[in-house]
Protein backbone atom coordinates (compact mmCIF):
# COMPACT_ATOMS: atom_id res chain seq x y z
CA MET A 1 45.48 -0.28 268.41
CA ARG A 2 47.08 1.66 271.11
CA ALA A 3 46.49 -2.22 272.77
CA ASP A 4 47.72 -4.25 269.75
CA PRO A 5 50.83 -6.26 271.16
CA VAL A 6 52.31 -6.47 267.48
CA LEU A 7 51.60 -2.48 267.40
CA THR A 8 52.71 -1.59 271.22
CA TRP A 9 55.82 -3.93 270.03
CA LEU A 10 56.54 -1.43 266.43
CA LEU A 11 56.05 1.43 268.84
CA GLU A 12 59.22 0.61 270.57
CA GLU A 13 62.09 3.47 270.81
CA ASN A 14 64.99 0.88 269.97
CA GLN A 15 64.12 1.54 266.02
CA PRO A 16 62.88 4.48 265.79
CA SER A 17 62.69 4.45 261.78
CA VAL A 18 59.56 2.33 261.74
CA ARG A 19 58.44 3.87 265.55
CA TYR A 20 58.30 6.77 263.34
CA HIS A 21 56.48 5.11 260.32
CA ALA A 22 54.24 3.99 262.64
CA LEU A 23 52.55 6.33 264.44
CA THR A 24 52.79 8.25 261.33
CA GLU A 25 50.74 5.71 258.79
CA LEU A 26 49.26 3.41 261.05
CA LEU A 27 47.67 5.65 263.62
CA GLY A 28 47.75 8.56 261.44
CA ARG A 29 49.25 11.56 263.99
CA PRO A 30 50.54 14.08 261.45
CA GLU A 31 54.56 15.94 261.44
CA ASP A 32 54.12 17.88 263.61
CA ASP A 33 53.28 15.86 266.84
CA PRO A 34 55.17 15.66 269.11
CA GLU A 35 56.49 11.94 269.12
CA VAL A 36 56.66 11.82 265.58
CA ARG A 37 59.25 14.71 265.27
CA ALA A 38 60.54 12.88 268.19
CA ALA A 39 60.86 9.53 266.19
CA ARG A 40 62.43 11.22 263.38
CA ALA A 41 65.12 13.04 264.66
CA ARG A 42 66.24 10.08 266.53
CA ILE A 43 66.42 7.63 263.30
CA PRO A 44 69.62 8.62 262.70
CA ARG A 45 71.12 8.46 266.17
CA ALA A 46 70.01 4.80 266.69
CA GLY A 47 68.43 1.26 265.41
CA TRP A 48 69.47 0.37 261.74
CA ALA A 49 70.53 4.14 260.29
CA LYS A 50 73.33 4.15 262.83
CA GLU A 51 74.73 1.20 262.05
CA ILE A 52 74.69 2.16 258.24
CA LEU A 53 75.32 5.17 258.41
CA ASP A 54 78.54 4.56 260.96
CA ARG A 55 79.98 2.49 258.07
CA GLN A 56 79.89 5.07 256.05
CA GLY A 57 83.55 6.68 254.53
CA PRO A 58 84.07 10.61 254.65
CA SER A 59 83.56 11.00 251.14
CA GLY A 60 79.61 9.51 250.94
CA PHE A 61 81.02 5.41 250.16
CA TRP A 62 80.21 2.69 251.45
CA GLU A 63 83.39 0.05 250.64
CA ARG A 64 86.41 -1.24 252.06
CA ARG A 65 88.38 2.28 250.96
CA GLU A 66 87.95 5.18 249.15
CA PRO A 67 88.00 5.12 245.44
CA ARG A 68 91.39 5.76 243.28
CA THR A 69 90.53 6.98 239.92
CA VAL A 70 87.32 7.99 238.21
CA ARG A 71 86.81 4.18 237.39
CA GLU A 72 86.91 2.83 240.76
CA TYR A 73 83.85 6.09 241.65
CA LEU A 74 81.63 4.73 238.96
CA TYR A 75 82.23 1.14 240.21
CA PHE A 76 82.22 1.36 243.65
CA LEU A 77 78.66 2.98 243.73
CA TRP A 78 76.99 0.20 242.55
CA PHE A 79 79.83 -3.09 243.08
CA PRO A 80 79.53 -5.11 244.70
CA GLU A 81 75.69 -5.90 244.64
CA PHE A 82 74.24 -4.92 248.20
CA SER A 83 77.55 -3.72 249.88
CA SER A 84 78.40 -0.94 247.98
CA THR A 85 76.76 2.92 248.77
CA ILE A 86 73.59 2.94 246.19
CA TRP A 87 72.61 0.03 248.27
CA SER A 88 72.45 1.65 251.40
CA ALA A 89 71.12 4.81 250.19
CA ILE A 90 68.59 2.76 249.10
CA VAL A 91 67.81 1.48 252.58
CA LEU A 92 68.62 4.55 253.87
CA ALA A 93 66.28 6.45 252.02
CA ASP A 94 63.31 3.44 253.28
CA LEU A 95 64.45 3.99 256.84
CA GLY A 96 63.00 8.08 256.48
CA LEU A 97 66.67 9.70 256.26
CA THR A 98 66.93 13.28 254.20
CA ALA A 99 69.52 15.27 253.08
CA ALA A 100 68.59 17.21 255.95
CA ASP A 101 71.63 14.91 257.43
CA PRO A 102 74.55 16.21 256.11
CA ARG A 103 76.19 12.50 255.54
CA ILE A 104 72.95 11.84 253.33
CA ARG A 105 74.09 15.28 251.13
CA ARG A 106 77.75 13.97 250.88
CA THR A 107 76.22 10.17 249.08
CA ALA A 108 73.68 12.62 246.63
CA ASP A 109 77.10 14.44 246.03
CA ARG A 110 79.03 11.30 244.71
CA LEU A 111 75.42 10.44 242.78
CA PHE A 112 75.37 13.23 241.20
CA ASP A 113 78.82 13.98 240.06
CA TYR A 114 79.68 10.24 239.11
CA LYS A 115 76.33 8.81 237.51
CA LEU A 116 74.24 11.70 236.85
CA GLY A 117 75.95 14.23 235.59
CA LEU A 118 76.03 14.51 231.82
CA SER A 119 79.91 14.48 230.81
CA SER A 120 80.29 11.11 233.72
CA MET A 121 81.81 7.89 231.56
CA ILE A 122 78.89 6.10 232.41
CA ASN A 123 75.65 7.94 233.59
CA LEU A 124 72.32 6.56 234.28
CA TYR A 125 70.20 8.28 231.91
CA HIS A 126 70.12 5.22 229.06
CA GLU A 127 70.44 2.37 231.51
CA GLU A 128 68.89 -0.27 232.94
CA MET A 129 65.68 1.06 234.69
CA CYS A 130 66.25 -1.84 237.50
CA ALA A 131 69.29 1.10 238.13
CA VAL A 132 67.13 4.23 237.13
CA GLY A 133 64.93 3.77 239.24
CA ASN A 134 66.28 3.09 242.29
CA ALA A 135 67.98 6.01 242.04
CA ALA A 136 64.94 8.32 241.46
CA ARG A 137 62.78 6.74 243.95
CA THR A 138 65.65 6.83 246.72
CA LEU A 139 67.18 10.97 245.71
CA ALA A 140 63.41 12.05 245.02
CA ARG A 141 62.93 10.19 248.93
CA PHE A 142 66.40 12.15 250.31
CA GLY A 143 64.68 15.40 248.74
CA TYR A 144 66.07 16.34 245.64
CA ALA A 145 62.81 15.03 243.94
CA ASP A 146 62.48 18.21 242.18
CA ASP A 147 66.13 18.48 240.65
CA PRO A 148 66.60 19.12 237.17
CA ARG A 149 69.04 15.49 236.98
CA VAL A 150 66.44 13.76 238.64
CA ARG A 151 63.34 14.90 236.95
CA ARG A 152 65.80 13.39 233.84
CA LEU A 153 65.51 9.97 235.52
CA TYR A 154 62.27 10.57 235.44
CA ASP A 155 61.50 10.85 232.08
CA TRP A 156 63.24 8.29 231.22
CA ILE A 157 61.83 5.76 232.90
CA VAL A 158 58.35 7.39 231.51
CA ASP A 159 59.69 6.72 227.76
CA ASP A 160 61.60 3.41 228.60
CA GLN A 161 57.09 2.10 229.32
CA ARG A 162 56.84 -1.17 227.68
CA ALA A 163 53.42 -0.29 225.55
CA ASP A 164 52.09 -3.17 227.66
CA GLY A 165 52.40 -0.81 231.55
CA GLY A 166 55.36 -2.68 232.19
CA TRP A 167 59.65 -2.19 231.80
CA ASN A 168 62.17 -4.30 230.96
CA CYS A 169 66.36 -4.30 231.40
CA SER A 170 65.95 -5.31 227.59
CA GLN A 171 65.00 -3.69 224.62
CA GLY A 172 62.62 -4.97 222.47
CA THR A 173 61.32 -6.69 225.30
CA PRO A 174 57.85 -7.21 227.06
CA GLY A 175 56.93 -5.40 230.47
CA THR A 176 57.13 -7.83 233.53
CA LEU A 177 56.65 -8.01 237.42
CA GLU A 178 59.85 -8.05 237.91
CA ARG A 179 61.08 -4.50 236.52
CA TRP A 180 59.17 -2.90 239.52
CA GLU A 181 61.59 0.17 240.17
CA PRO A 182 60.69 2.18 238.07
CA LEU A 183 56.36 2.10 239.48
CA ALA A 184 58.04 2.38 242.98
CA ALA A 185 59.84 5.87 241.85
CA LEU A 186 57.13 6.86 240.39
CA ALA A 187 54.94 6.29 243.62
CA ALA A 188 57.65 8.12 245.66
CA LEU A 189 56.14 10.74 244.38
CA PRO A 190 53.32 12.20 245.36
CA ARG A 191 50.02 12.91 243.25
CA SER A 192 50.61 16.66 243.36
CA ARG A 193 54.08 15.88 242.38
CA ARG A 194 53.63 14.12 239.18
CA SER A 195 53.58 15.44 236.12
CA PRO A 196 50.12 14.23 233.30
CA ARG A 197 52.63 11.69 231.85
CA MET A 198 53.86 10.16 234.75
CA GLU A 199 50.75 9.64 236.15
CA GLU A 200 50.04 8.34 233.22
CA SER A 201 52.71 6.19 233.77
CA ALA A 202 51.78 5.80 236.77
CA ALA A 203 47.88 4.38 236.13
CA ARG A 204 49.57 2.31 232.88
CA GLY A 205 51.99 0.18 236.44
CA ALA A 206 49.18 -0.07 237.81
CA GLU A 207 47.33 -2.24 235.11
CA PHE A 208 49.81 -3.86 234.54
CA TYR A 209 50.83 -5.33 238.11
CA LEU A 210 46.33 -5.70 238.61
CA GLY A 211 45.83 -7.46 234.95
CA ARG A 212 47.94 -10.57 236.20
CA GLU A 213 47.05 -10.18 240.21
CA LEU A 214 50.13 -9.22 241.17
CA PHE A 215 52.39 -12.76 240.44
CA ARG A 216 50.09 -14.44 237.61
CA GLU A 217 53.32 -14.00 234.89
CA GLY A 218 54.75 -17.67 233.38
CA PRO A 219 55.57 -20.59 235.84
CA ARG A 220 54.62 -20.28 239.00
CA TYR A 221 58.32 -18.18 240.37
CA ALA A 222 59.24 -19.82 243.78
CA PRO A 223 60.99 -16.48 244.74
CA TRP A 224 57.72 -14.43 244.09
CA PHE A 225 56.26 -15.82 247.10
CA ARG A 226 58.78 -15.72 249.58
CA LEU A 227 59.43 -12.42 251.58
CA HIS A 228 62.42 -9.85 251.85
CA TYR A 229 64.05 -7.34 253.05
CA PRO A 230 65.47 -5.17 251.62
CA ASN A 231 64.74 -6.34 248.49
CA HIS A 232 66.85 -3.71 246.12
CA TYR A 233 65.87 -4.92 243.03
CA PHE A 234 64.09 -8.37 243.64
CA TYR A 235 60.50 -8.60 243.30
CA ASP A 236 57.64 -10.29 245.49
CA LEU A 237 53.85 -10.25 246.53
CA LEU A 238 54.83 -7.78 249.12
CA VAL A 239 56.36 -5.34 247.25
CA GLY A 240 53.63 -5.49 244.44
CA LEU A 241 50.59 -4.79 247.23
CA ASP A 242 52.74 -2.18 249.23
CA LEU A 243 53.18 -0.14 245.53
CA LEU A 244 49.19 -0.72 244.04
CA THR A 245 47.54 0.20 247.53
CA LYS A 246 50.09 3.50 248.23
CA LEU A 247 49.18 4.22 244.39
CA GLY A 248 45.77 4.20 245.27
CA HIS A 249 44.44 0.67 243.68
CA ALA A 250 43.35 -0.75 247.32
CA ARG A 251 39.93 -1.22 246.78
CA ASP A 252 40.73 -2.79 243.68
CA ARG A 253 39.38 -7.17 243.65
CA ARG A 254 42.39 -8.45 241.37
CA LEU A 255 44.55 -7.36 244.98
CA ARG A 256 42.56 -10.50 246.94
CA PRO A 257 44.35 -13.63 245.97
CA ALA A 258 47.67 -11.16 247.08
CA LEU A 259 46.33 -10.72 249.90
CA GLN A 260 44.97 -13.67 250.65
CA ARG A 261 48.60 -15.37 250.59
CA LEU A 262 50.16 -12.86 252.25
CA GLY A 263 47.71 -13.40 254.93
CA ALA A 264 48.25 -17.17 255.46
CA LYS A 265 52.35 -16.20 255.80
CA ARG A 266 51.17 -14.34 259.10
CA ARG A 267 52.64 -16.09 262.43
CA ARG A 268 50.68 -16.76 265.25
CA ASP A 269 51.80 -13.89 267.56
CA GLY A 270 50.67 -11.66 264.66
CA SER A 271 53.91 -10.83 262.66
CA TRP A 272 55.41 -11.95 259.50
CA ALA A 273 59.01 -12.89 259.28
CA ILE A 274 61.54 -12.81 256.06
CA ASP A 275 61.48 -15.86 254.44
CA ARG A 276 64.61 -15.06 252.53
CA ALA A 277 67.71 -14.02 252.46
CA ASN A 278 68.14 -11.89 249.31
CA PRO A 279 69.32 -12.67 246.57
CA ASP A 280 67.07 -14.94 246.35
CA ALA A 281 66.46 -16.43 242.42
CA PRO A 282 68.02 -19.26 241.00
CA ALA A 283 72.42 -18.78 239.96
CA PRO A 284 71.80 -18.16 236.45
CA LEU A 285 69.47 -15.58 236.69
CA LEU A 286 71.54 -13.31 239.18
CA HIS A 287 74.17 -11.42 237.49
CA LEU A 288 75.90 -10.97 239.81
CA HIS A 289 79.16 -9.37 239.45
CA VAL A 290 80.76 -11.34 242.50
CA LYS A 291 80.96 -14.88 243.31
CA LYS A 292 80.71 -14.61 246.47
CA VAL A 293 77.07 -11.73 247.84
CA ARG A 294 77.52 -9.67 251.05
CA PRO A 295 73.74 -9.00 251.93
CA LEU A 296 73.02 -5.97 253.53
CA GLN A 297 70.32 -7.48 256.22
CA LEU A 298 68.43 -5.76 258.90
CA GLU A 299 66.83 -8.53 260.41
CA PRO A 300 67.62 -12.47 260.27
CA PRO A 301 65.37 -14.91 258.18
CA GLY A 302 62.92 -16.94 259.98
CA GLU A 303 62.18 -14.48 262.81
CA PRO A 304 60.07 -11.60 263.63
CA SER A 305 60.68 -9.06 261.84
CA LYS A 306 59.32 -5.32 262.55
CA TRP A 307 60.39 -4.00 258.60
CA LEU A 308 57.97 -6.64 257.34
CA THR A 309 55.42 -6.34 260.11
CA LEU A 310 54.92 -2.64 259.97
CA THR A 311 54.73 -2.93 255.80
CA ALA A 312 52.60 -5.32 255.78
CA LEU A 313 50.30 -3.88 258.01
CA ARG A 314 50.14 -0.27 256.23
CA VAL A 315 48.89 -2.58 253.18
CA LEU A 316 46.19 -3.97 255.67
CA LYS A 317 45.45 -0.34 256.80
CA ARG A 318 44.70 0.75 253.65
CA VAL A 319 43.45 -1.87 252.25
CA GLU A 320 40.86 -1.33 255.04
CA ASP A 321 40.33 2.42 254.74
CA ALA A 322 39.20 2.44 251.66
CA GLY A 323 36.69 0.09 252.51
């Protein structure tokens, strides 16, 4: 694979997070491999992660100014969408940052203080599944999977799963493919770290997606067929494929329609491109809290994307390895 020009591109040192994931997920290098260790150590010092961390404030926030009141602390963590603290934290967790970095610990402390504290005016334990799933996945990847407050988020994910195996944000409604965040949170835990209830929930959630072939839910919804990153709380086919193959379903024949669509989107040079920047949906469906959105974007749409190419190739490798 080293002779593959696309892999060579992904292994470039300008984006150490991509290099780290390519070494471990595409080439199968162990964590103690010298090149892997070097790439991981550089993630906070170069590329996208450094650019995001450089914008962090001294208290662990990414807002334009530090919050002054409890209400502002609660608001600033989540809003405005895509440019405030939680959105930056989600991407940093994807890139491979953990609480070994003191800047990540500061941000995690803010989430624990103001969104996972039982005395908080607004805590996450009864909120919408997009917020709960994003927080659980992010904090688990940061290294807090065994924290009782994070385990409580996972309990809420399992308890809120619908009878059909999916999740939704409104009570009394059936599951929807759009609410992928709870399943992603479960996938962020190694199987050995999932309780029997979590394992059963992950299996039911996977079957919900597989039974719909990852995109057959109602009329054709165009944003699901366009590729994005960051996704934050929007779904597309690559999100579904990455989750289902990570959860061990790479051999399932019901992935084939989605895999064919992924293959059709591959560029001649072997890469994939971001089709649209999120939020990519009809305006009435967005429910945004601001009129003007400033999305967090790592790579420009329409150009070869290292992150999407890495994600697509790891999906295809899991399928190939599964036989």
